[in-house]
Amino acid sequence: MQFRPVRVRKCGIAVVIAVGYRLANDALREVHVIDIDASSTLLAAVANPHRLTIVLLLCERELCVTDIYEAIGLDQSAVSQHLRRLRHAGVVKTRKHMQLVFYRCENVAVKSLIDTLKELFPSLEPPRLRNEANIELRATVHGISAVRS
């Protein structure tokens, strides 16, 4: 932010301070609006029970669509749509390896939100992965860590 030189008369300094204060206030207000928008986007993305379940799974480990839909019992297309929405909201990241796309949650704000939800609701846990052996094998074949984070 740059200030133009202002002619200083008797109250010139006060004018510069007032202008600077107004600009600083506007900047803070803009940052506040951005924070509110980001927060509401994040909350809207995880507000759906299926998406929250997916996020719970992905906060523990990196998984592909097959692992996720087997764990939560939805169709593959429904899981893909939920993952697309989470990806566009910045909740999950992807990594492609050969034919498979792996999803993971690296967003610090999301992990913090999940930790807070787990404190508020101690029984909030991700569903058990049905095919743990296949997930371990796929992780080994595709060179990812199958260890939970």
C-alpha atoms as a PDB file:
ATOM      1  CA  MET A   1       0.000   0.000   0.000  1.00  0.00           C
ATOM      2  CA  GLN A   2       1.431   3.347  -1.005  1.00  0.00           C
ATOM      3  CA  PHE A   3       0.529   6.778   0.257  1.00  0.00           C
ATOM      4  CA  ARG A   4       0.708   9.770  -2.021  1.00  0.00           C
ATOM      5  CA  PRO A   5       2.451  12.821  -0.657  1.00  0.00           C
ATOM      6  CA  VAL A   6      -0.102  15.117   0.927  1.00  0.00           C
ATOM      7  CA  ARG A   7       0.341  18.820   1.503  1.00  0.00           C
ATOM      8  CA  VAL A   8       0.680  19.349   5.188  1.00  0.00           C
ATOM      9  CA  ARG A   9      -1.277  22.190   6.624  1.00  0.00           C
ATOM     10  CA  LYS A  10      -2.367  22.559  10.215  1.00  0.00           C
ATOM     11  CA  CYS A  11      -4.226  19.221  10.317  1.00  0.00           C
ATOM     12  CA  GLY A  12      -2.319  17.487   7.547  1.00  0.00           C
ATOM     13  CA  ILE A  13      -0.921  14.734   9.746  1.00  0.00           C
ATOM     14  CA  ALA A  14      -4.360  13.896  11.078  1.00  0.00           C
ATOM     15  CA  VAL A  15      -5.666  13.559   7.517  1.00  0.00           C
ATOM     16  CA  VAL A  16      -2.874  11.141   6.573  1.00  0.00           C
ATOM     17  CA  ILE A  17      -3.490   9.099   9.734  1.00  0.00           C
ATOM     18  CA  ALA A  18      -7.238   9.033   9.097  1.00  0.00           C
ATOM     19  CA  VAL A  19      -6.744   7.947   5.478  1.00  0.00           C
ATOM     20  CA  GLY A  20      -4.240   5.295   6.559  1.00  0.00           C
ATOM     21  CA  TYR A  21      -6.617   4.063   9.254  1.00  0.00           C
ATOM     22  CA  ARG A  22      -9.482   3.843   6.770  1.00  0.00           C
ATOM     23  CA  LEU A  23      -7.350   1.901   4.295  1.00  0.00           C
ATOM     24  CA  ALA A  24      -6.108  -0.442   7.025  1.00  0.00           C
ATOM     25  CA  ASN A  25      -9.670  -0.966   8.225  1.00  0.00           C
ATOM     26  CA  ASP A  26     -10.811  -1.758   4.680  1.00  0.00           C
ATOM     27  CA  ALA A  27      -7.962  -4.242   4.277  1.00  0.00           C
ATOM     28  CA  LEU A  28      -8.840  -5.949   7.571  1.00  0.00           C
ATOM     29  CA  ARG A  29     -12.489  -6.082   6.589  1.00  0.00           C
ATOM     30  CA  GLU A  30     -11.519  -7.661   3.263  1.00  0.00           C
ATOM     31  CA  VAL A  31      -9.359 -10.283   5.008  1.00  0.00           C
ATOM     32  CA  HIS A  32     -12.234 -10.991   7.393  1.00  0.00           C
ATOM     33  CA  VAL A  33     -14.621 -11.536   4.457  1.00  0.00           C
ATOM     34  CA  ILE A  34     -12.116 -13.879   2.811  1.00  0.00           C
ATOM     35  CA  ASP A  35     -11.796 -15.878   6.063  1.00  0.00           C
ATOM     36  CA  ILE A  36     -15.588 -16.101   6.348  1.00  0.00           C
ATOM     37  CA  ASP A  37     -15.898 -17.248   2.730  1.00  0.00           C
ATOM     38  CA  ALA A  38     -13.172 -19.876   3.167  1.00  0.00           C
ATOM     39  CA  SER A  39     -14.724 -21.105   6.415  1.00  0.00           C
ATOM     40  CA  SER A  40     -18.195 -21.387   4.945  1.00  0.00           C
ATOM     41  CA  THR A  41     -16.837 -23.218   1.877  1.00  0.00           C
ATOM     42  CA  LEU A  42     -15.017 -25.700   4.106  1.00  0.00           C
ATOM     43  CA  LEU A  43     -18.041 -26.263   6.342  1.00  0.00           C
ATOM     44  CA  ALA A  44     -20.386 -26.650   3.364  1.00  0.00           C
ATOM     45  CA  ALA A  45     -18.057 -29.241   1.831  1.00  0.00           C
ATOM     46  CA  VAL A  46     -18.062 -31.464   4.925  1.00  0.00           C
ATOM     47  CA  ALA A  47     -21.679 -30.786   5.933  1.00  0.00           C
ATOM     48  CA  ASN A  48     -22.945 -33.857   4.082  1.00  0.00           C
ATOM     49  CA  PRO A  49     -22.790 -37.089   6.171  1.00  0.00           C
ATOM     50  CA  HIS A  50     -21.217 -39.062   3.306  1.00  0.00           C
ATOM     51  CA  ARG A  51     -18.562 -36.410   2.656  1.00  0.00           C
ATOM     52  CA  LEU A  52     -17.800 -36.185   6.374  1.00  0.00           C
ATOM     53  CA  THR A  53     -17.329 -39.967   6.438  1.00  0.00           C
ATOM     54  CA  ILE A  54     -15.006 -39.751   3.427  1.00  0.00           C
ATOM     55  CA  VAL A  55     -12.982 -37.001   5.108  1.00  0.00           C
ATOM     56  CA  LEU A  56     -12.722 -39.092   8.289  1.00  0.00           C
ATOM     57  CA  LEU A  57     -11.273 -41.936   6.211  1.00  0.00           C
ATOM     58  CA  LEU A  58      -8.872 -39.710   4.280  1.00  0.00           C
ATOM     59  CA  CYS A  59      -7.560 -38.002   7.414  1.00  0.00           C
ATOM     60  CA  GLU A  60      -6.290 -41.429   8.472  1.00  0.00           C
ATOM     61  CA  ARG A  61      -4.723 -42.635   5.212  1.00  0.00           C
ATOM     62  CA  GLU A  62      -4.502 -42.150   1.475  1.00  0.00           C
ATOM     63  CA  LEU A  63      -7.145 -44.195  -0.377  1.00  0.00           C
ATOM     64  CA  CYS A  64      -8.481 -44.722  -3.887  1.00  0.00           C
ATOM     65  CA  VAL A  65     -12.162 -44.519  -4.872  1.00  0.00           C
ATOM     66  CA  THR A  66     -12.566 -48.304  -4.682  1.00  0.00           C
ATOM     67  CA  ASP A  67     -11.388 -48.408  -1.070  1.00  0.00           C
ATOM     68  CA  ILE A  68     -13.727 -45.570  -0.133  1.00  0.00           C
ATOM     69  CA  TYR A  69     -16.900 -46.885  -1.753  1.00  0.00           C
ATOM     70  CA  GLU A  70     -16.299 -50.361  -0.316  1.00  0.00           C
ATOM     71  CA  ALA A  71     -15.875 -48.837   3.148  1.00  0.00           C
ATOM     72  CA  ILE A  72     -18.955 -46.609   3.140  1.00  0.00           C
ATOM     73  CA  GLY A  73     -21.300 -48.636   0.941  1.00  0.00           C
ATOM     74  CA  LEU A  74     -22.110 -46.048  -1.730  1.00  0.00           C
ATOM     75  CA  ASP A  75     -21.963 -46.461  -5.502  1.00  0.00           C
ATOM     76  CA  GLN A  76     -18.653 -45.641  -7.143  1.00  0.00           C
ATOM     77  CA  SER A  77     -20.226 -42.762  -9.074  1.00  0.00           C
ATOM     78  CA  ALA A  78     -21.684 -41.210  -5.903  1.00  0.00           C
ATOM     79  CA  VAL A  79     -18.325 -41.431  -4.136  1.00  0.00           C
ATOM     80  CA  SER A  80     -16.615 -39.856  -7.156  1.00  0.00           C
ATOM     81  CA  GLN A  81     -19.079 -36.943  -7.087  1.00  0.00           C
ATOM     82  CA  HIS A  82     -18.491 -36.394  -3.363  1.00  0.00           C
ATOM     83  CA  LEU A  83     -14.723 -36.517  -3.903  1.00  0.00           C
ATOM     84  CA  ARG A  84     -15.008 -34.014  -6.748  1.00  0.00           C
ATOM     85  CA  ARG A  85     -16.830 -31.590  -4.465  1.00  0.00           C
ATOM     86  CA  LEU A  86     -14.248 -32.092  -1.691  1.00  0.00           C
ATOM     87  CA  ARG A  87     -11.403 -31.586  -4.171  1.00  0.00           C
ATOM     88  CA  HIS A  88     -12.902 -28.355  -5.545  1.00  0.00           C
ATOM     89  CA  ALA A  89     -13.339 -27.059  -1.988  1.00  0.00           C
ATOM     90  CA  GLY A  90      -9.657 -27.765  -1.256  1.00  0.00           C
ATOM     91  CA  VAL A  91     -10.446 -30.393   1.365  1.00  0.00           C
ATOM     92  CA  VAL A  92      -8.644 -33.295  -0.351  1.00  0.00           C
ATOM     93  CA  LYS A  93      -5.703 -33.624  -2.728  1.00  0.00           C
ATOM     94  CA  THR A  94      -5.152 -36.236  -5.434  1.00  0.00           C
ATOM     95  CA  ARG A  95      -2.247 -38.246  -6.733  1.00  0.00           C
ATOM     96  CA  LYS A  96      -2.482 -40.385  -9.840  1.00  0.00           C
ATOM     97  CA  HIS A  97      -0.476 -43.576 -10.104  1.00  0.00           C
ATOM     98  CA  MET A  98      -0.991 -45.562 -13.292  1.00  0.00           C
ATOM     99  CA  GLN A  99      -4.773 -46.129 -13.560  1.00  0.00           C
ATOM    100  CA  LEU A 100      -5.627 -45.249  -9.958  1.00  0.00           C
ATOM    101  CA  VAL A 101      -6.280 -41.863  -8.394  1.00  0.00           C
ATOM    102  CA  PHE A 102      -5.425 -41.702  -4.705  1.00  0.00           C
ATOM    103  CA  TYR A 103      -7.041 -39.172  -2.405  1.00  0.00           C
ATOM    104  CA  ARG A 104      -5.613 -37.761   0.806  1.00  0.00           C
ATOM    105  CA  CYS A 105      -6.419 -35.005   3.253  1.00  0.00           C
ATOM    106  CA  GLU A 106      -3.498 -32.634   3.840  1.00  0.00           C
ATOM    107  CA  ASN A 107      -5.516 -29.533   4.702  1.00  0.00           C
ATOM    108  CA  VAL A 108      -4.505 -28.407   8.204  1.00  0.00           C
ATOM    109  CA  ALA A 109      -7.825 -26.614   8.761  1.00  0.00           C
ATOM    110  CA  VAL A 110      -9.761 -29.773   7.878  1.00  0.00           C
ATOM    111  CA  LYS A 111      -7.644 -31.935  10.172  1.00  0.00           C
ATOM    112  CA  SER A 112      -8.136 -29.422  12.972  1.00  0.00           C
ATOM    113  CA  LEU A 113     -11.892 -29.407  12.329  1.00  0.00           C
ATOM    114  CA  ILE A 114     -12.004 -33.223  12.430  1.00  0.00           C
ATOM    115  CA  ASP A 115      -9.992 -33.270  15.682  1.00  0.00           C
ATOM    116  CA  THR A 116     -12.439 -30.779  17.205  1.00  0.00           C
ATOM    117  CA  LEU A 117     -15.420 -32.849  16.056  1.00  0.00           C
ATOM    118  CA  LYS A 118     -13.850 -35.978  17.579  1.00  0.00           C
ATOM    119  CA  GLU A 119     -13.437 -34.134  20.886  1.00  0.00           C
ATOM    120  CA  LEU A 120     -17.077 -33.021  20.800  1.00  0.00           C
ATOM    121  CA  PHE A 121     -18.365 -36.404  19.624  1.00  0.00           C
ATOM    122  CA  PRO A 122     -16.034 -39.128  20.963  1.00  0.00           C
ATOM    123  CA  SER A 123     -17.854 -41.885  19.046  1.00  0.00           C
ATOM    124  CA  LEU A 124     -17.124 -40.179  15.704  1.00  0.00           C
ATOM    125  CA  GLU A 125     -14.847 -42.628  13.924  1.00  0.00           C
ATOM    126  CA  PRO A 126     -14.370 -43.553  10.279  1.00  0.00           C
ATOM    127  CA  PRO A 127     -15.956 -46.828   9.167  1.00  0.00           C
ATOM    128  CA  ARG A 128     -13.817 -49.900   9.244  1.00  0.00           C
ATOM    129  CA  LEU A 129     -12.193 -50.676   5.942  1.00  0.00           C
ATOM    130  CA  ARG A 130     -13.696 -53.941   4.699  1.00  0.00           C
ATOM    131  CA  ASN A 131     -10.787 -55.191   2.650  1.00  0.00           C
ATOM    132  CA  GLU A 132      -7.740 -54.282   4.689  1.00  0.00           C
ATOM    133  CA  ALA A 133      -5.608 -56.957   2.980  1.00  0.00           C
ATOM    134  CA  ASN A 134      -6.420 -55.611  -0.506  1.00  0.00           C
ATOM    135  CA  ILE A 135      -5.667 -52.066   0.610  1.00  0.00           C
ATOM    136  CA  GLU A 136      -2.304 -53.158   2.008  1.00  0.00           C
ATOM    137  CA  LEU A 137      -1.524 -55.010  -1.234  1.00  0.00           C
ATOM    138  CA  ARG A 138      -2.584 -52.069  -3.432  1.00  0.00           C
ATOM    139  CA  ALA A 139      -0.504 -49.740  -1.275  1.00  0.00           C
ATOM    140  CA  THR A 140       2.542 -51.957  -1.689  1.00  0.00           C
ATOM    141  CA  VAL A 141       2.068 -52.314  -5.454  1.00  0.00           C
ATOM    142  CA  HIS A 142       1.554 -48.569  -5.965  1.00  0.00           C
ATOM    143  CA  GLY A 143       4.342 -47.528  -3.628  1.00  0.00           C
ATOM    144  CA  ILE A 144       2.351 -45.730  -0.954  1.00  0.00           C
ATOM    145  CA  SER A 145       2.471 -46.042   2.772  1.00  0.00           C
ATOM    146  CA  ALA A 146      -0.384 -48.176   4.074  1.00  0.00           C
ATOM    147  CA  VAL A 147       0.386 -47.117   7.606  1.00  0.00           C
ATOM    148  CA  ARG A 148      -2.246 -44.869   9.114  1.00  0.00           C
ATOM    149  CA  SER A 149      -1.129 -41.328   9.803  1.00  0.00           C
END
